[in-house]
Amino acid sequence: MDFDPQEFGNIAQYLRDNRDNIENTSKECVNRVIVGRLYYSVFLILRKTIDEELSDKYSGLTQTEKFIDSLYGGSVHNSLLDFLEDIKTLDIDQNLQTGVRILYNSVDLLKEYRVAADYTLSSPPEIKRNGGKEKVFFDKDNSISLPERKFKNIIDNMGKLVEILRNNHDQISDILINWN
């Protein structure tokens, strides 16, 4: 049986609920771990969902396999975001397009937070946002609320992504055919 990436989200929630009881570790450290687990939970859920949907509905295209391979090696995070960016530009139902835009923007921001949490030692680290830089405060109790909201946005809009992948075969095929 495969690992369920939702467990990363569960452990993030557990850490958030119990961070005051964790000894010899700063709130900043715990919050950085929470952000990383939230990101990897949704990244793996999205990757699995896209893989399953494309493997099922688009297996006849040789580019489908090439794209799916890009989700498992190389610049996997960028491949996922690039694919979502292509999907958000499709001429589709406005409700679905809005959902995938929210999903894309949430994944993109959560990824920026995860990179800051994992790789930047300065406190507070900065992320690129809206053409400038924004400080990310991992040392405060409520500093996790934005990443948690982004996590929820992604989970809430997954069904819209699946609907797009299932019902827009020609447009998704064009994205896959033109995949670099």
Protein backbone atom coordinates (compact mmCIF):
# COMPACT_ATOMS: atom_id res chain seq x y z
CA MET A 1 0.00 0.00 0.00
CA ASP A 2 1.34 3.43 -0.96
CA PHE A 3 2.10 6.20 1.52
CA ASP A 4 -0.79 8.66 1.90
CA PRO A 5 0.64 12.20 1.52
CA GLN A 6 -2.30 13.56 3.52
CA GLU A 7 -0.38 12.27 6.54
CA PHE A 8 2.12 15.12 6.05
CA GLY A 9 -0.83 17.50 6.48
CA ASN A 10 -1.94 15.56 9.54
CA ILE A 11 1.49 15.79 11.15
CA ALA A 12 1.59 19.52 10.40
CA GLN A 13 -1.70 19.96 12.24
CA TYR A 14 -0.45 17.82 15.12
CA LEU A 15 2.70 19.94 15.41
CA ARG A 16 0.66 23.13 15.33
CA ASP A 17 -1.67 21.86 18.06
CA ASN A 18 1.21 20.64 20.24
CA ARG A 19 4.04 23.09 19.53
CA ASP A 20 3.88 24.61 23.02
CA ASN A 21 4.69 21.18 24.47
CA ILE A 22 7.74 20.49 22.30
CA GLU A 23 10.86 20.92 24.38
CA ASN A 24 14.25 22.21 23.26
CA THR A 25 12.84 23.48 19.96
CA SER A 26 11.81 27.03 19.11
CA LYS A 27 8.39 27.92 17.77
CA GLU A 28 10.18 29.18 14.69
CA CYS A 29 11.65 25.74 14.04
CA VAL A 30 8.32 23.98 14.57
CA ASN A 31 6.56 26.50 12.32
CA ARG A 32 9.16 25.98 9.60
CA VAL A 33 8.59 22.21 9.78
CA ILE A 34 4.83 22.75 9.62
CA VAL A 35 5.16 24.83 6.45
CA GLY A 36 7.35 22.17 4.83
CA ARG A 37 4.92 19.37 5.66
CA LEU A 38 1.93 21.36 4.40
CA TYR A 39 3.68 22.02 1.10
CA TYR A 40 4.84 18.45 0.57
CA SER A 41 1.41 17.11 1.44
CA VAL A 42 -0.31 19.13 -1.28
CA PHE A 43 2.54 18.75 -3.75
CA LEU A 44 2.37 14.96 -3.51
CA ILE A 45 -1.44 14.92 -3.57
CA LEU A 46 -1.48 17.10 -6.69
CA ARG A 47 1.22 15.07 -8.40
CA LYS A 48 -0.59 11.81 -7.68
CA THR A 49 -3.93 13.24 -8.85
CA ILE A 50 -2.49 14.62 -12.08
CA ASP A 51 -0.57 11.40 -12.74
CA GLU A 52 -3.70 9.27 -12.25
CA GLU A 53 -5.95 11.49 -14.35
CA LEU A 54 -3.48 11.87 -17.22
CA SER A 55 -2.51 8.19 -17.19
CA ASP A 56 -6.18 7.27 -17.39
CA LYS A 57 -7.49 9.81 -19.91
CA TYR A 58 -4.42 10.75 -21.99
CA SER A 59 -2.45 7.52 -22.24
CA GLY A 60 -2.46 7.59 -26.04
CA LEU A 61 -0.18 10.62 -26.22
CA THR A 62 3.56 9.98 -26.01
CA GLN A 63 3.93 13.46 -24.51
CA THR A 64 1.78 12.38 -21.55
CA GLU A 65 4.47 9.97 -20.41
CA LYS A 66 7.15 12.64 -20.93
CA PHE A 67 5.19 15.11 -18.81
CA ILE A 68 4.44 12.56 -16.08
CA ASP A 69 8.17 11.69 -15.97
CA SER A 70 8.90 15.40 -15.43
CA LEU A 71 6.82 15.23 -12.24
CA TYR A 72 9.14 12.57 -10.80
CA GLY A 73 12.61 13.79 -11.77
CA GLY A 74 14.45 16.99 -12.44
CA SER A 75 12.53 20.18 -11.71
CA VAL A 76 9.46 18.43 -10.36
CA HIS A 77 8.10 21.43 -8.47
CA ASN A 78 8.44 23.73 -11.46
CA SER A 79 6.89 21.15 -13.79
CA LEU A 80 3.81 20.97 -11.58
CA LEU A 81 3.50 24.75 -11.36
CA ASP A 82 4.10 25.21 -15.09
CA PHE A 83 1.36 22.68 -15.87
CA LEU A 84 -1.08 24.42 -13.52
CA GLU A 85 -0.15 27.76 -15.06
CA ASP A 86 -0.99 26.40 -18.51
CA ILE A 87 -4.31 25.05 -17.25
CA LYS A 88 -5.32 28.34 -15.65
CA THR A 89 -5.14 30.04 -19.08
CA LEU A 90 -7.60 27.64 -20.75
CA ASP A 91 -10.87 28.92 -22.16
CA ILE A 92 -13.12 27.03 -19.71
CA ASP A 93 -16.01 27.56 -17.34
CA GLN A 94 -15.30 30.67 -15.21
CA ASN A 95 -15.92 28.83 -11.92
CA LEU A 96 -13.39 26.13 -12.85
CA GLN A 97 -10.88 28.69 -14.09
CA THR A 98 -11.18 30.64 -10.83
CA GLY A 99 -10.66 27.44 -8.84
CA VAL A 100 -7.52 26.49 -10.73
CA ARG A 101 -6.17 30.05 -10.41
CA ILE A 102 -6.67 29.88 -6.64
CA LEU A 103 -5.02 26.46 -6.64
CA TYR A 104 -2.04 27.70 -8.69
CA ASN A 105 -1.53 30.87 -6.61
CA SER A 106 -1.80 28.89 -3.37
CA VAL A 107 0.72 26.24 -4.49
CA ASP A 108 3.09 28.94 -5.72
CA LEU A 109 2.98 30.90 -2.45
CA LEU A 110 3.16 27.79 -0.27
CA LYS A 111 6.23 26.70 -2.25
CA GLU A 112 7.87 30.10 -1.61
CA TYR A 113 7.17 29.72 2.10
CA ARG A 114 8.59 26.18 2.07
CA VAL A 115 11.76 27.33 0.33
CA ALA A 116 12.18 30.14 2.86
CA ALA A 117 11.53 27.73 5.73
CA ASP A 118 13.99 25.12 4.48
CA TYR A 119 16.83 27.16 3.02
CA THR A 120 16.97 30.60 4.63
CA LEU A 121 18.66 30.84 7.99
CA SER A 122 18.01 34.54 8.52
CA SER A 123 15.08 35.33 10.74
CA PRO A 124 12.76 36.50 9.42
CA PRO A 125 13.45 35.29 5.89
CA GLU A 126 12.05 37.11 2.88
CA ILE A 127 10.17 35.80 -0.12
CA LYS A 128 9.59 37.44 -3.48
CA ARG A 129 6.03 38.65 -3.63
CA ASN A 130 4.10 41.17 -5.74
CA GLY A 131 7.24 42.53 -7.38
CA GLY A 132 9.00 43.09 -4.07
CA LYS A 133 10.07 41.23 -0.97
CA GLU A 134 7.97 40.23 1.99
CA LYS A 135 9.18 39.09 5.39
CA VAL A 136 7.96 35.70 6.59
CA PHE A 137 7.61 35.43 10.35
CA PHE A 138 8.00 31.84 11.49
CA ASP A 139 8.59 32.76 15.14
CA LYS A 140 5.09 33.93 16.06
CA ASP A 141 2.13 31.75 17.06
CA ASN A 142 -0.13 32.95 14.26
CA SER A 143 2.53 32.94 11.54
CA ILE A 144 1.25 29.65 10.17
CA SER A 145 -2.25 30.89 9.37
CA LEU A 146 -1.46 31.99 5.78
CA PRO A 147 0.22 28.69 4.76
CA GLU A 148 -2.64 26.78 6.38
CA ARG A 149 -5.18 28.82 4.41
CA LYS A 150 -3.24 28.14 1.20
CA PHE A 151 -3.17 24.42 2.05
CA LYS A 152 -6.96 24.50 2.53
CA ASN A 153 -7.45 26.43 -0.75
CA ILE A 154 -5.53 23.74 -2.61
CA ILE A 155 -7.46 20.87 -1.05
CA ASP A 156 -10.77 22.69 -1.63
CA ASN A 157 -10.03 23.27 -5.34
CA MET A 158 -8.63 19.83 -6.23
CA GLY A 159 -12.02 18.70 -7.52
CA LYS A 160 -12.08 21.57 -9.99
CA LEU A 161 -8.68 20.54 -11.33
CA VAL A 162 -9.89 16.96 -11.73
CA GLU A 163 -13.01 18.18 -13.53
CA ILE A 164 -10.87 20.23 -15.93
CA LEU A 165 -8.59 17.26 -16.64
CA ARG A 166 -11.56 14.98 -17.27
CA ASN A 167 -13.68 17.30 -19.39
CA ASN A 168 -11.26 19.30 -21.51
CA HIS A 169 -9.47 16.57 -23.41
CA ASP A 170 -8.54 18.60 -26.50
CA GLN A 171 -7.16 21.57 -24.57
CA ILE A 172 -5.21 19.39 -22.11
CA SER A 173 -3.89 17.34 -25.05
CA ASP A 174 -2.62 20.56 -26.63
CA ILE A 175 -0.79 21.45 -23.40
CA LEU A 176 0.79 18.00 -23.30
CA ILE A 177 1.72 18.02 -27.01
CA ASN A 178 3.50 21.36 -26.53
CA TRP A 179 5.19 20.33 -23.28
CA ASN A 180 8.90 21.10 -23.35
